[in-house]
Amino acid sequence: MKITYTRRKGDNPYADLFSGPLSIEGEAEYRKQWIVHELLGLMEEQGITRAELARRMEVQPSRVTSILSGTNNFTIDTLVRAGRAVGADIELHFVPMKKDKTQGEAAKLDADEESVSKVAEDPTPYRIKRKPD
């Protein structure tokens, strides 16, 4: 799947969407699209069709369509299956955010040092609430 962008002169109503840091949801969407882009590239290099990918992943072809649409959340299982199906390893790891990062919440949080995560504010919703004995 090849995406072609056409640039036109004049005001761009979408320019403001990408002028600042991405929200968490925006960054998640960006990363999902990147995964799909890499997977499609590997499929194209090897001449693997969607039907062949489904067979190799041992899933229904409709699942491959869903995966390649980039609209679903990928599980580790799905990523490993897709990677093996195209002969690739999956490397998942966390790296420290850069101070000057322009995408994601890092830039916003660095600019506002008073920010506190929701977990730090009230961790109760993230833990099992226990009744006193």
Protein backbone atom coordinates (compact mmCIF):
# COMPACT_ATOMS: atom_id res chain seq x y z
CA MET A 1 0.00 0.00 0.00
CA LYS A 2 1.53 3.26 -1.13
CA ILE A 3 0.30 6.57 0.20
CA THR A 4 0.80 9.63 -1.96
CA TYR A 5 0.58 13.14 -0.57
CA THR A 6 -0.18 16.14 -2.74
CA ARG A 7 0.87 19.53 -1.50
CA ARG A 8 -1.18 22.55 -2.50
CA LYS A 9 -0.45 26.24 -2.14
CA GLY A 10 -2.43 28.24 0.38
CA ASP A 11 -3.60 27.75 3.92
CA ASN A 12 -3.40 24.25 5.34
CA PRO A 13 -6.25 23.64 7.77
CA TYR A 14 -4.37 20.68 9.28
CA ALA A 15 -1.07 22.46 9.91
CA ASP A 16 -1.91 23.20 13.55
CA LEU A 17 -2.55 19.52 14.27
CA PHE A 18 1.14 18.74 13.83
CA SER A 19 2.69 21.99 15.05
CA GLY A 20 3.12 20.88 18.66
CA PRO A 21 3.68 17.73 20.65
CA LEU A 22 1.35 14.82 20.00
CA SER A 23 -1.07 13.67 22.65
CA ILE A 24 -0.66 10.17 24.04
CA GLU A 25 -3.42 9.02 21.71
CA GLY A 26 -1.76 10.75 18.76
CA GLU A 27 1.59 9.17 19.49
CA ALA A 28 -0.03 5.73 19.85
CA GLU A 29 -1.72 6.19 16.47
CA TYR A 30 1.57 7.30 14.91
CA ARG A 31 3.35 4.21 16.25
CA LYS A 32 0.59 1.87 15.05
CA GLN A 33 0.84 3.37 11.57
CA TRP A 34 4.62 2.97 11.66
CA ILE A 35 4.31 -0.72 12.56
CA VAL A 36 1.90 -1.26 9.67
CA HIS A 37 4.26 0.64 7.34
CA GLU A 38 7.19 -1.60 8.34
CA LEU A 39 5.13 -4.78 8.02
CA LEU A 40 3.85 -3.80 4.58
CA GLY A 41 7.41 -3.00 3.49
CA LEU A 42 8.63 -6.44 4.56
CA MET A 43 5.68 -8.10 2.84
CA GLU A 44 6.38 -6.21 -0.38
CA GLU A 45 10.12 -7.06 -0.29
CA GLN A 46 9.33 -10.75 0.06
CA GLY A 47 6.27 -10.87 -2.20
CA ILE A 48 3.99 -11.97 0.65
CA THR A 49 0.28 -11.44 0.03
CA ARG A 50 -2.28 -10.74 2.74
CA ALA A 51 -3.64 -14.27 2.34
CA GLU A 52 -0.14 -15.73 2.73
CA LEU A 53 0.49 -13.57 5.79
CA ALA A 54 -2.75 -14.83 7.34
CA ARG A 55 -1.72 -18.43 6.66
CA ARG A 56 1.72 -17.89 8.19
CA MET A 57 0.28 -16.13 11.22
CA GLU A 58 -2.38 -18.84 11.60
CA VAL A 59 -5.19 -16.29 11.65
CA GLN A 60 -8.19 -15.55 9.46
CA PRO A 61 -7.58 -13.23 6.45
CA SER A 62 -10.04 -10.75 8.01
CA ARG A 63 -7.67 -10.47 10.99
CA VAL A 64 -4.81 -9.50 8.66
CA THR A 65 -7.04 -6.87 7.08
CA SER A 66 -7.76 -5.51 10.55
CA ILE A 67 -4.06 -5.51 11.45
CA LEU A 68 -3.02 -3.76 8.25
CA SER A 69 -5.71 -1.10 8.64
CA GLY A 70 -3.76 0.17 11.66
CA THR A 71 -6.93 0.83 13.60
CA ASN A 72 -6.55 -1.88 16.22
CA ASN A 73 -4.24 -2.10 19.22
CA PHE A 74 -1.48 -4.60 18.67
CA THR A 75 -0.84 -7.21 21.32
CA ILE A 76 2.64 -8.61 21.85
CA ASP A 77 1.28 -11.92 20.52
CA THR A 78 0.14 -10.24 17.28
CA LEU A 79 3.47 -8.49 16.83
CA VAL A 80 5.44 -11.71 17.39
CA ARG A 81 3.21 -13.65 14.97
CA ALA A 82 3.52 -10.96 12.31
CA GLY A 83 7.27 -10.72 12.79
CA ARG A 84 7.78 -14.45 12.48
CA ALA A 85 5.50 -14.55 9.44
CA VAL A 86 7.83 -12.17 7.59
CA GLY A 87 11.06 -13.55 9.07
CA ALA A 88 11.71 -10.60 11.37
CA ASP A 89 12.42 -10.25 15.08
CA ILE A 90 10.48 -7.82 17.22
CA GLU A 91 12.52 -5.55 19.48
CA LEU A 92 10.51 -3.82 22.18
CA HIS A 93 12.24 -1.70 24.78
CA PHE A 94 11.86 1.57 26.59
CA VAL A 95 14.36 4.36 26.05
CA PRO A 96 14.64 7.66 27.92
CA MET A 97 12.76 10.51 26.25
CA LYS A 98 14.79 13.33 24.79
CA LYS A 99 14.35 16.77 26.35
CA ASP A 100 13.77 18.37 22.94
CA LYS A 101 11.33 15.71 21.73
CA THR A 102 8.67 17.29 19.52
CA GLN A 103 6.28 14.35 19.53
CA GLY A 104 4.47 12.90 22.51
CA GLU A 105 3.86 14.15 25.99
CA ALA A 106 7.55 14.53 26.91
CA ALA A 107 7.88 18.05 25.54
CA LYS A 108 4.69 19.17 27.24
CA LEU A 109 5.72 17.69 30.58
CA ASP A 110 9.24 19.12 30.39
CA ALA A 111 7.83 22.59 29.71
CA ASP A 112 5.58 22.37 32.74
CA GLU A 113 7.63 21.00 35.62
CA GLU A 114 4.64 21.32 37.95
CA SER A 115 2.84 18.51 36.08
CA VAL A 116 2.07 15.40 38.08
CA SER A 117 0.90 12.12 36.63
CA LYS A 118 -2.62 10.96 37.36
CA VAL A 119 -1.19 7.92 39.11
CA ALA A 120 0.76 10.16 41.49
CA GLU A 121 -2.28 12.35 42.10
CA ASP A 122 -4.59 9.50 43.04
CA PRO A 123 -3.31 5.95 42.65
CA THR A 124 -6.51 4.46 44.09
CA PRO A 125 -8.25 3.81 40.74
CA TYR A 126 -5.19 1.89 39.55
CA ARG A 127 -5.09 -0.47 42.52
CA ILE A 128 -7.54 -2.99 43.81
CA LYS A 129 -9.59 -1.34 46.47
CA ARG A 130 -9.55 -3.45 49.61
CA LYS A 131 -11.98 -3.17 52.43
CA PRO A 132 -10.49 -3.00 55.92
CA ASP A 133 -10.66 -6.29 57.83
